[in-house]
């Protein structure tokens, strides 16, 4: 398996992890991918990038089966207007492509907010940059490498 920058960060910090790889899949969305990985969809998180009226960018992580509640996000961040960044802007802004965005090793540092439901679990699964690669680490270790806050941000 080719090492990614996210893998390097996790290994450099000596954080134990479990890797998932899926390539030959008929899955059409993240919920189906979680099922193919035989994992609870509440453990598998997707990473979303937004832009606000203030032109600040924020990263949100939510369980794959849930939807981001932009009103709750605005309340948490004291912002007024928000929208998802355009898909074509994702690579330029973060270094990642759609569907494979990771909260680790973005081109720039953005405030990261994780749905509070993550704290109900002992671990979290998320993309580690390459198509078909997911990583699972403990919530405790996640907090060591991602400067994130945990808030209720889903519908």
Protein backbone atom coordinates (compact mmCIF):
# COMPACT_ATOMS: atom_id res chain seq x y z
CA UNK A 1 0.00 0.00 0.00
CA UNK A 2 1.31 3.42 -0.94
CA UNK A 3 1.84 5.69 2.08
CA UNK A 4 -0.13 8.91 2.22
CA UNK A 5 0.79 12.06 4.14
CA UNK A 6 -2.03 11.32 6.58
CA UNK A 7 -0.54 7.86 7.22
CA UNK A 8 2.84 9.44 7.84
CA UNK A 9 1.40 11.87 10.40
CA UNK A 10 -0.39 9.09 12.26
CA UNK A 11 2.64 6.80 12.22
CA UNK A 12 5.03 9.62 13.19
CA UNK A 13 2.93 10.25 16.31
CA UNK A 14 3.02 6.48 17.01
CA UNK A 15 -0.77 6.32 17.02
CA UNK A 16 -2.25 2.83 16.65
CA UNK A 17 -4.65 2.62 13.73
CA UNK A 18 -6.74 0.24 11.72
CA UNK A 19 -6.83 0.71 7.99
CA UNK A 20 -9.63 -0.05 5.59
CA UNK A 21 -9.28 -0.38 1.88
CA UNK A 22 -12.02 -0.81 -0.64
CA UNK A 23 -11.59 -0.43 -4.33
CA UNK A 24 -13.77 -2.76 -6.29
CA UNK A 25 -17.09 -1.58 -4.94
CA UNK A 26 -20.54 -0.90 -6.27
CA UNK A 27 -21.27 1.52 -3.42
CA UNK A 28 -22.94 4.74 -4.53
CA UNK A 29 -22.59 6.73 -1.31
CA UNK A 30 -20.83 6.79 2.05
CA UNK A 31 -23.53 4.82 3.86
CA UNK A 32 -23.12 1.95 1.39
CA UNK A 33 -19.34 2.15 1.77
CA UNK A 34 -19.69 1.90 5.57
CA UNK A 35 -21.83 -1.21 5.10
CA UNK A 36 -19.29 -2.74 2.72
CA UNK A 37 -16.61 -2.09 5.34
CA UNK A 38 -18.87 -3.88 7.87
CA UNK A 39 -18.73 -0.78 10.06
CA UNK A 40 -21.41 1.17 11.90
CA UNK A 41 -22.33 4.25 9.86
CA UNK A 42 -22.14 6.27 13.08
CA UNK A 43 -18.39 5.57 13.28
CA UNK A 44 -17.61 6.53 9.67
CA UNK A 45 -17.31 10.30 9.23
CA UNK A 46 -17.20 12.48 6.13
CA UNK A 47 -15.24 15.71 5.97
CA UNK A 48 -16.99 18.78 4.55
CA UNK A 49 -15.51 22.20 3.77
CA UNK A 50 -17.57 25.40 3.89
CA UNK A 51 -17.14 29.09 3.22
CA UNK A 52 -18.89 31.77 5.28
CA UNK A 53 -19.98 35.36 4.72
CA UNK A 54 -16.79 36.44 6.50
CA UNK A 55 -14.85 34.46 3.82
CA UNK A 56 -13.53 32.18 6.54
CA UNK A 57 -13.39 28.50 5.69
CA UNK A 58 -14.36 25.82 8.18
CA UNK A 59 -14.10 22.04 8.14
CA UNK A 60 -16.94 19.93 9.49
CA UNK A 61 -16.93 16.19 10.17
CA UNK A 62 -20.22 14.36 10.47
CA UNK A 63 -21.37 10.74 10.41
CA UNK A 64 -21.93 9.58 6.83
CA UNK A 65 -25.65 8.94 7.34
CA UNK A 66 -26.34 12.41 8.73
CA UNK A 67 -26.74 15.82 7.17
CA UNK A 68 -24.90 18.98 8.16
CA UNK A 69 -27.23 21.53 9.77
CA UNK A 70 -25.93 24.87 8.54
CA UNK A 71 -28.06 26.83 11.02
CA UNK A 72 -26.49 24.97 13.95
CA UNK A 73 -23.06 25.54 12.41
CA UNK A 74 -23.75 29.26 12.11
CA UNK A 75 -24.78 29.38 15.76
CA UNK A 76 -21.63 27.57 16.87
CA UNK A 77 -19.38 29.87 14.82
CA UNK A 78 -21.27 33.13 15.25
CA UNK A 79 -21.51 33.47 11.49
CA UNK A 80 -24.50 34.51 9.38
CA UNK A 81 -24.23 33.04 5.91
CA UNK A 82 -22.68 29.73 4.90
CA UNK A 83 -22.39 27.50 1.88
CA UNK A 84 -20.44 24.44 0.86
CA UNK A 85 -17.42 25.28 -1.24
CA UNK A 86 -17.65 24.35 -4.89
CA UNK A 87 -16.26 20.95 -5.77
CA UNK A 88 -13.78 22.50 -8.19
CA UNK A 89 -12.37 24.66 -5.35
CA UNK A 90 -11.73 21.74 -3.00
CA UNK A 91 -8.44 20.56 -4.52
CA UNK A 92 -7.03 24.08 -4.76
CA UNK A 93 -8.07 24.99 -1.21
CA UNK A 94 -7.34 21.76 0.68
CA UNK A 95 -5.23 19.54 -1.55
CA UNK A 96 -8.00 16.93 -1.57
CA UNK A 97 -10.62 15.85 -4.09
CA UNK A 98 -14.34 15.34 -3.52
CA UNK A 99 -15.20 12.23 -1.47
CA UNK A 100 -11.63 11.77 -0.20
CA UNK A 101 -11.10 14.82 1.96
CA UNK A 102 -9.33 14.24 5.28
CA UNK A 103 -9.15 16.55 8.31
CA UNK A 104 -5.41 15.85 8.48
CA UNK A 105 -2.75 17.43 6.27
CA UNK A 106 -4.77 20.09 4.44
CA UNK A 107 -2.86 22.77 2.56
CA UNK A 108 -4.00 25.36 5.11
CA UNK A 109 -5.11 25.09 8.72
CA UNK A 110 -8.88 25.50 9.10
CA UNK A 111 -10.97 25.43 12.24
CA UNK A 112 -12.42 21.91 12.45
CA UNK A 113 -15.73 21.07 14.11
CA UNK A 114 -16.73 17.44 14.62
CA UNK A 115 -20.28 16.39 15.37
CA UNK A 116 -20.64 15.74 19.08
CA UNK A 117 -21.96 12.24 18.37
CA UNK A 118 -18.33 11.21 17.75
CA UNK A 119 -17.81 11.37 21.52
CA UNK A 120 -20.36 8.54 21.92
CA UNK A 121 -17.81 6.20 20.33
CA UNK A 122 -14.34 5.07 21.27
CA UNK A 123 -13.00 5.56 17.75
CA UNK A 124 -13.62 7.41 14.50
CA UNK A 125 -13.17 6.31 10.89
CA UNK A 126 -12.39 8.84 8.17
CA UNK A 127 -10.67 9.19 4.82
CA UNK A 128 -6.92 9.30 4.74
CA UNK A 129 -6.58 10.99 1.40
CA UNK A 130 -6.40 8.24 -1.20
CA UNK A 131 -9.37 6.87 -3.05
CA UNK A 132 -10.56 3.77 -1.23
CA UNK A 133 -8.55 4.32 1.95
CA UNK A 134 -10.10 4.84 5.38
CA UNK A 135 -8.41 4.89 8.77
CA UNK A 136 -9.75 4.24 12.25
CA UNK A 137 -8.14 5.77 15.32
CA UNK A 138 -9.33 6.35 18.86
CA UNK A 139 -11.15 9.57 19.65
CA UNK A 140 -8.41 10.33 22.18
CA UNK A 141 -5.70 10.01 19.51
CA UNK A 142 -7.81 11.94 16.99
CA UNK A 143 -7.87 14.86 19.43
CA UNK A 144 -4.06 14.74 19.63
CA UNK A 145 -3.58 15.29 15.90
CA UNK A 146 -6.65 17.31 14.87
CA UNK A 147 -7.30 20.63 16.58
CA UNK A 148 -11.05 20.16 16.67
CA UNK A 149 -14.04 21.10 18.78
CA UNK A 150 -17.05 18.84 19.19
CA UNK A 151 -20.48 20.43 18.74
CA UNK A 152 -24.02 19.38 17.74
CA UNK A 153 -23.95 20.20 14.00
CA UNK A 154 -26.23 17.62 12.35
CA UNK A 155 -29.94 17.46 11.63
